[in-house]
Amino acid sequence: MRMILALLSLLFLGSGVARAEEKIVVGGSGGLLDEMEEIGKIYLARNPQDRVEVITEPMSTTGGIEGVKSGRLTIGSVTRPPRGAEKAELVYRPIGRVMVGVGVHISVPIANLTETQICDVFSGRIKSWKEIGGGEGKITVVARRKDDNNDAEMRQKIACFKDLQLSSDAVFVVRGNELMDAVHRRPEVIALVNGGSNLLERPNIKILAIGGVPASNDAIKSGKYKYYNERGIVTLGAPQGLAKRFLDFIATGEGQKVLVHRGVIPAL
């Protein structure tokens, strides 16, 4: 009997050590990293024996996918599902939807643009705020060089934007945070932005209504506002162990509360 109890004790201790030594690393697109960081802190407060690291330096959706494939990341944050060859061995899980829209400085005296006006502005056919009711001054289009899912969303949803060539005067940046900072600080700038965590930290940005439909989560839920992209995660195969427990926690009330607070419409 004593031997059986001793063996059970060893098994119990062994499983506890294994769980304590398990670690997951989360990283990828900046579009979901703030949410993951906050959820990670709450999770660890509830489960201090686990180890969760969130790399807060954004590395794009492609970086999240490649990070998981290379083994650097356990969970990759992405702003689109994997496609083509990226899908191999990866499991995608949607987390929620985030509004996409046309962002301008809060001081710009316009609240709405039509799809045609959006195309004319971003192509450079319209160069002055005055032409769209925004007062004097030249419009500066700011865009990301690549891996911009806000741009991809508009090209999919707005017919005249599908094959649009951006203005020859457009200013290109590498990271989404740089683009958001430009809109936040410079009244002449217009750019495609999203309504996630980055917007919360930049109160000088407003997202314009499109065709009279306000850019809001309620309008997305009702189907009236059609411009949004998906936030999700990828793992190498089905998540197991700590990765599964962490992702399951996102679907709890505490996890969902973080998403809603940060502008994400939960999909879980």
Protein backbone atom coordinates (compact mmCIF):
# COMPACT_ATOMS: atom_id res chain seq x y z
CA MET A 1 0.00 0.00 0.00
CA ARG A 2 2.83 2.36 0.92
CA MET A 3 4.56 1.60 -2.36
CA ILE A 4 1.39 2.43 -4.33
CA LEU A 5 1.02 5.74 -2.47
CA ALA A 6 4.66 6.56 -3.12
CA LEU A 7 4.28 5.86 -6.83
CA LEU A 8 1.14 8.01 -7.00
CA SER A 9 2.99 10.82 -5.23
CA LEU A 10 5.85 10.63 -7.73
CA LEU A 11 3.43 10.68 -10.64
CA PHE A 12 1.61 13.67 -9.20
CA LEU A 13 4.82 15.59 -8.53
CA GLY A 14 6.18 14.68 -11.95
CA SER A 15 3.09 16.00 -13.74
CA GLY A 16 3.25 19.20 -11.68
CA VAL A 17 6.87 19.79 -12.59
CA ALA A 18 6.15 19.12 -16.26
CA ARG A 19 3.31 21.65 -16.24
CA ALA A 20 5.40 24.23 -14.41
CA GLU A 21 8.20 23.89 -16.97
CA GLU A 22 5.86 24.16 -19.97
CA LYS A 23 6.03 27.51 -21.75
CA ILE A 24 4.27 29.11 -24.70
CA VAL A 25 5.41 32.11 -26.72
CA VAL A 26 2.89 34.36 -28.48
CA GLY A 27 3.79 36.86 -31.20
CA GLY A 28 3.05 38.07 -34.70
CA SER A 29 0.85 40.79 -36.12
CA GLY A 30 0.52 43.88 -33.97
CA GLY A 31 -3.23 43.81 -34.63
CA LEU A 32 -3.85 41.47 -31.69
CA LEU A 33 -0.74 41.71 -29.50
CA ASP A 34 -2.09 44.27 -27.02
CA GLU A 35 -5.11 42.06 -26.42
CA MET A 36 -2.91 38.99 -26.03
CA GLU A 37 -0.63 40.80 -23.59
CA GLU A 38 -3.52 41.90 -21.38
CA ILE A 39 -5.21 38.49 -21.51
CA GLY A 40 -1.85 36.87 -20.74
CA LYS A 41 -1.48 38.94 -17.56
CA ILE A 42 -4.95 37.98 -16.38
CA TYR A 43 -4.35 34.32 -17.22
CA LEU A 44 -1.06 34.24 -15.29
CA ALA A 45 -2.70 35.90 -12.29
CA ARG A 46 -5.14 32.96 -12.26
CA ASN A 47 -2.51 30.34 -13.16
CA PRO A 48 0.85 31.45 -11.72
CA GLN A 49 2.39 28.02 -12.27
CA ASP A 50 2.20 28.46 -16.07
CA ARG A 51 4.61 30.38 -18.28
CA VAL A 52 3.23 32.62 -21.04
CA GLU A 53 5.44 35.05 -22.94
CA VAL A 54 3.95 37.61 -25.32
CA ILE A 55 6.43 39.26 -27.69
CA THR A 56 5.04 42.77 -27.90
CA GLU A 57 7.22 43.89 -30.81
CA PRO A 58 4.98 43.41 -33.88
CA MET A 59 6.34 41.25 -36.68
CA SER A 60 3.36 41.25 -39.13
CA THR A 61 0.99 38.44 -40.03
CA THR A 62 3.66 36.81 -42.19
CA GLY A 63 6.03 36.96 -39.23
CA GLY A 64 3.45 35.29 -37.01
CA ILE A 65 2.95 32.47 -39.49
CA GLU A 66 6.66 31.95 -40.12
CA GLY A 67 7.39 32.18 -36.40
CA VAL A 68 5.04 29.30 -35.68
CA LYS A 69 6.40 27.21 -38.54
CA SER A 70 9.99 27.73 -37.38
CA GLY A 71 9.15 26.89 -33.77
CA ARG A 72 10.00 30.34 -32.43
CA LEU A 73 6.36 30.96 -31.58
CA THR A 74 3.78 28.62 -30.09
CA ILE A 75 0.87 30.86 -31.05
CA GLY A 76 1.02 33.27 -33.98
CA SER A 77 -1.16 36.38 -34.06
CA VAL A 78 -2.55 37.08 -37.55
CA THR A 79 -4.92 39.52 -39.24
CA ARG A 80 -5.98 37.10 -41.96
CA PRO A 81 -6.27 33.33 -42.37
CA PRO A 82 -3.23 31.54 -43.82
CA ARG A 83 -3.40 31.09 -47.57
CA GLY A 84 -1.78 28.92 -50.18
CA ALA A 85 1.43 27.26 -49.05
CA GLU A 86 1.13 28.99 -45.65
CA LYS A 87 -1.64 26.58 -44.67
CA ALA A 88 0.63 23.53 -44.47
CA GLU A 89 0.48 22.04 -40.95
CA LEU A 90 -1.10 25.18 -39.51
CA VAL A 91 -4.41 25.33 -37.66
CA TYR A 92 -6.22 28.67 -37.82
CA ARG A 93 -8.62 29.88 -35.15
CA PRO A 94 -10.58 33.16 -35.53
CA ILE A 95 -10.62 35.40 -32.47
CA GLY A 96 -12.77 38.29 -33.67
CA ARG A 97 -13.43 41.07 -36.16
CA VAL A 98 -12.06 44.61 -36.15
CA MET A 99 -13.42 47.59 -38.03
CA VAL A 100 -11.43 48.97 -40.97
CA GLY A 101 -11.97 52.47 -42.26
CA VAL A 102 -10.63 55.80 -43.42
CA GLY A 103 -8.81 57.56 -40.61
CA VAL A 104 -8.20 61.29 -40.32
CA HIS A 105 -7.15 63.69 -37.58
CA ILE A 106 -9.99 64.68 -35.27
CA SER A 107 -9.58 68.33 -36.30
CA VAL A 108 -10.51 67.63 -39.93
CA PRO A 109 -14.09 68.99 -40.41
CA ILE A 110 -15.51 66.07 -42.38
CA ALA A 111 -17.40 63.04 -41.10
CA ASN A 112 -18.28 61.03 -44.20
CA LEU A 113 -16.90 60.04 -47.60
CA THR A 114 -18.45 58.07 -50.43
CA GLU A 115 -16.58 55.10 -51.90
CA THR A 116 -15.89 57.17 -55.03
CA GLN A 117 -14.39 59.97 -52.95
CA ILE A 118 -12.19 57.47 -51.10
CA CYS A 119 -10.83 56.16 -54.40
CA ASP A 120 -10.28 59.69 -55.73
CA VAL A 121 -8.38 60.73 -52.60
CA PHE A 122 -6.14 57.66 -52.35
CA SER A 123 -5.38 57.68 -56.08
CA GLY A 124 -4.41 61.36 -55.94
CA ARG A 125 -7.20 62.60 -58.20
CA ILE A 126 -8.40 64.64 -55.24
CA LYS A 127 -5.46 66.42 -53.63
CA SER A 128 -7.08 69.11 -51.45
CA TRP A 129 -9.26 68.83 -48.36
CA LYS A 130 -11.38 71.62 -49.81
CA GLU A 131 -12.58 69.31 -52.61
CA ILE A 132 -14.25 67.03 -50.04
CA GLY A 133 -15.47 69.71 -47.64
CA GLY A 134 -12.47 69.69 -45.35
CA GLY A 135 -11.17 73.24 -45.65
CA GLU A 136 -7.86 74.41 -47.09
CA GLY A 137 -4.70 72.31 -47.26
CA LYS A 138 -3.12 69.47 -49.20
CA ILE A 139 -4.07 65.88 -48.41
CA THR A 140 -1.20 63.54 -47.60
CA VAL A 141 -1.98 59.86 -48.17
CA VAL A 142 0.00 57.55 -45.86
CA ALA A 143 0.12 53.79 -46.47
CA ARG A 144 2.11 50.72 -45.48
CA ARG A 145 4.66 49.29 -47.85
CA LYS A 146 3.38 45.72 -47.60
CA ASP A 147 1.37 43.21 -45.59
CA ASP A 148 -1.41 45.74 -45.04
CA ASN A 149 -4.65 43.90 -44.43
CA ASN A 150 -6.60 47.15 -44.13
CA ASP A 151 -5.66 47.92 -47.73
CA ALA A 152 -6.54 44.35 -48.74
CA GLU A 153 -9.97 44.68 -47.12
CA MET A 154 -10.80 47.86 -49.01
CA ARG A 155 -9.61 46.37 -52.30
CA GLN A 156 -11.96 43.45 -51.71
CA LYS A 157 -15.01 45.50 -50.66
CA ILE A 158 -14.78 48.71 -52.78
CA ALA A 159 -14.99 48.13 -56.54
CA CYS A 160 -13.05 51.24 -57.57
CA PHE A 161 -10.33 50.45 -55.02
CA LYS A 162 -9.67 46.93 -56.30
CA ASP A 163 -6.90 47.79 -58.76
CA LEU A 164 -6.25 51.32 -57.57
CA GLN A 165 -2.73 52.74 -57.78
CA LEU A 166 -2.00 54.88 -54.76
CA SER A 167 -1.11 58.52 -55.27
CA SER A 168 2.41 59.19 -56.54
CA ASP A 169 2.69 61.60 -53.60
CA ALA A 170 1.79 58.96 -51.01
CA VAL A 171 4.12 58.47 -48.05
CA PHE A 172 4.91 54.84 -47.25
CA VAL A 173 5.77 53.43 -43.82
CA VAL A 174 6.70 49.93 -42.67
CA ARG A 175 4.68 49.37 -39.51
CA GLY A 176 1.05 49.90 -38.64
CA ASN A 177 1.99 51.89 -35.54
CA GLU A 178 3.90 54.37 -37.70
CA LEU A 179 0.85 54.86 -39.89
CA MET A 180 -1.45 55.37 -36.89
CA ASP A 181 0.99 57.84 -35.34
CA ALA A 182 1.03 59.86 -38.56
CA VAL A 183 -2.77 60.23 -38.51
CA HIS A 184 -2.78 60.95 -34.77
CA ARG A 185 -0.21 63.75 -35.03
CA ARG A 186 -0.67 65.31 -38.44
CA PRO A 187 -3.98 66.94 -39.55
CA GLU A 188 -3.07 66.72 -43.24
CA VAL A 189 -2.81 62.91 -43.23
CA ILE A 190 -5.40 60.38 -44.39
CA ALA A 191 -4.88 56.62 -44.15
CA LEU A 192 -6.63 53.27 -43.89
CA VAL A 193 -6.77 52.32 -40.23
CA ASN A 194 -8.48 49.81 -37.97
CA GLY A 195 -10.51 50.23 -34.82
CA GLY A 196 -8.54 47.95 -32.52
CA SER A 197 -6.19 48.70 -29.62
CA ASN A 198 -4.08 51.11 -31.66
CA LEU A 199 -7.06 53.44 -31.92
CA LEU A 200 -7.64 53.47 -28.15
CA GLU A 201 -4.14 54.82 -27.63
CA ARG A 202 -4.55 57.58 -30.22
CA PRO A 203 -7.60 59.71 -29.37
CA ASN A 204 -6.85 62.23 -32.12
CA ILE A 205 -7.91 59.74 -34.81
CA LYS A 206 -11.47 59.50 -36.06
CA ILE A 207 -12.77 56.96 -38.56
CA LEU A 208 -15.11 58.40 -41.16
CA ALA A 209 -18.52 57.08 -42.08
CA ILE A 210 -18.64 55.58 -45.58
CA GLY A 211 -21.64 56.32 -47.73
CA GLY A 212 -23.47 57.65 -44.69
CA VAL A 213 -22.95 54.47 -42.64
CA PRO A 214 -21.07 55.14 -39.38
CA ALA A 215 -17.91 53.19 -38.64
CA SER A 216 -19.00 51.35 -35.50
CA ASN A 217 -19.10 47.83 -34.12
CA ASP A 218 -22.89 48.01 -33.91
CA ALA A 219 -23.03 48.83 -37.64
CA ILE A 220 -20.74 45.87 -38.35
CA LYS A 221 -22.92 43.53 -36.27
CA SER A 222 -26.04 44.71 -38.10
CA GLY A 223 -24.37 44.18 -41.48
CA LYS A 224 -24.66 47.85 -42.47
CA TYR A 225 -20.93 48.61 -42.25
CA LYS A 226 -19.12 46.04 -44.36
CA TYR A 227 -15.48 47.00 -43.87
CA TYR A 228 -13.65 44.91 -41.30
CA ASN A 229 -10.98 42.29 -41.09
CA GLU A 230 -10.57 39.20 -39.00
CA ARG A 231 -8.17 38.67 -36.14
CA GLY A 232 -7.03 35.16 -35.36
CA ILE A 233 -4.23 32.87 -34.26
CA VAL A 234 -2.33 30.00 -35.84
CA THR A 235 -0.70 27.02 -34.21
CA LEU A 236 1.37 24.15 -35.56
CA GLY A 237 -1.28 21.47 -35.48
CA ALA A 238 -4.13 21.47 -32.98
CA PRO A 239 -3.16 23.33 -29.78
CA GLN A 240 -2.25 21.08 -26.88
CA GLY A 241 -1.45 21.49 -23.20
CA LEU A 242 -0.78 25.04 -22.08
CA ALA A 243 -1.47 26.46 -25.55
CA LYS A 244 -4.95 24.95 -25.48
CA ARG A 245 -5.62 26.12 -21.93
CA PHE A 246 -4.55 29.66 -22.82
CA LEU A 247 -6.69 29.78 -25.96
CA ASP A 248 -9.66 28.33 -24.10
CA PHE A 249 -9.22 31.13 -21.54
CA ILE A 250 -9.64 33.71 -24.32
CA ALA A 251 -13.15 32.31 -24.88
CA THR A 252 -14.12 32.83 -21.22
CA GLY A 253 -15.95 35.91 -19.96
CA GLU A 254 -12.69 37.48 -18.78
CA GLY A 255 -10.99 37.01 -22.13
CA GLN A 256 -13.96 38.25 -24.11
CA LYS A 257 -14.22 41.35 -21.91
CA VAL A 258 -10.66 42.33 -22.89
CA LEU A 259 -11.44 41.91 -26.58
CA VAL A 260 -14.59 44.02 -26.43
CA HIS A 261 -12.84 46.77 -24.46
CA ARG A 262 -10.16 46.95 -27.12
CA GLY A 263 -12.55 47.23 -30.05
CA VAL A 264 -12.68 43.59 -31.14
CA ILE A 265 -15.99 41.91 -31.90
CA PRO A 266 -15.38 38.42 -30.43
CA ALA A 267 -15.82 35.40 -32.68
CA LEU A 268 -15.49 32.83 -29.87
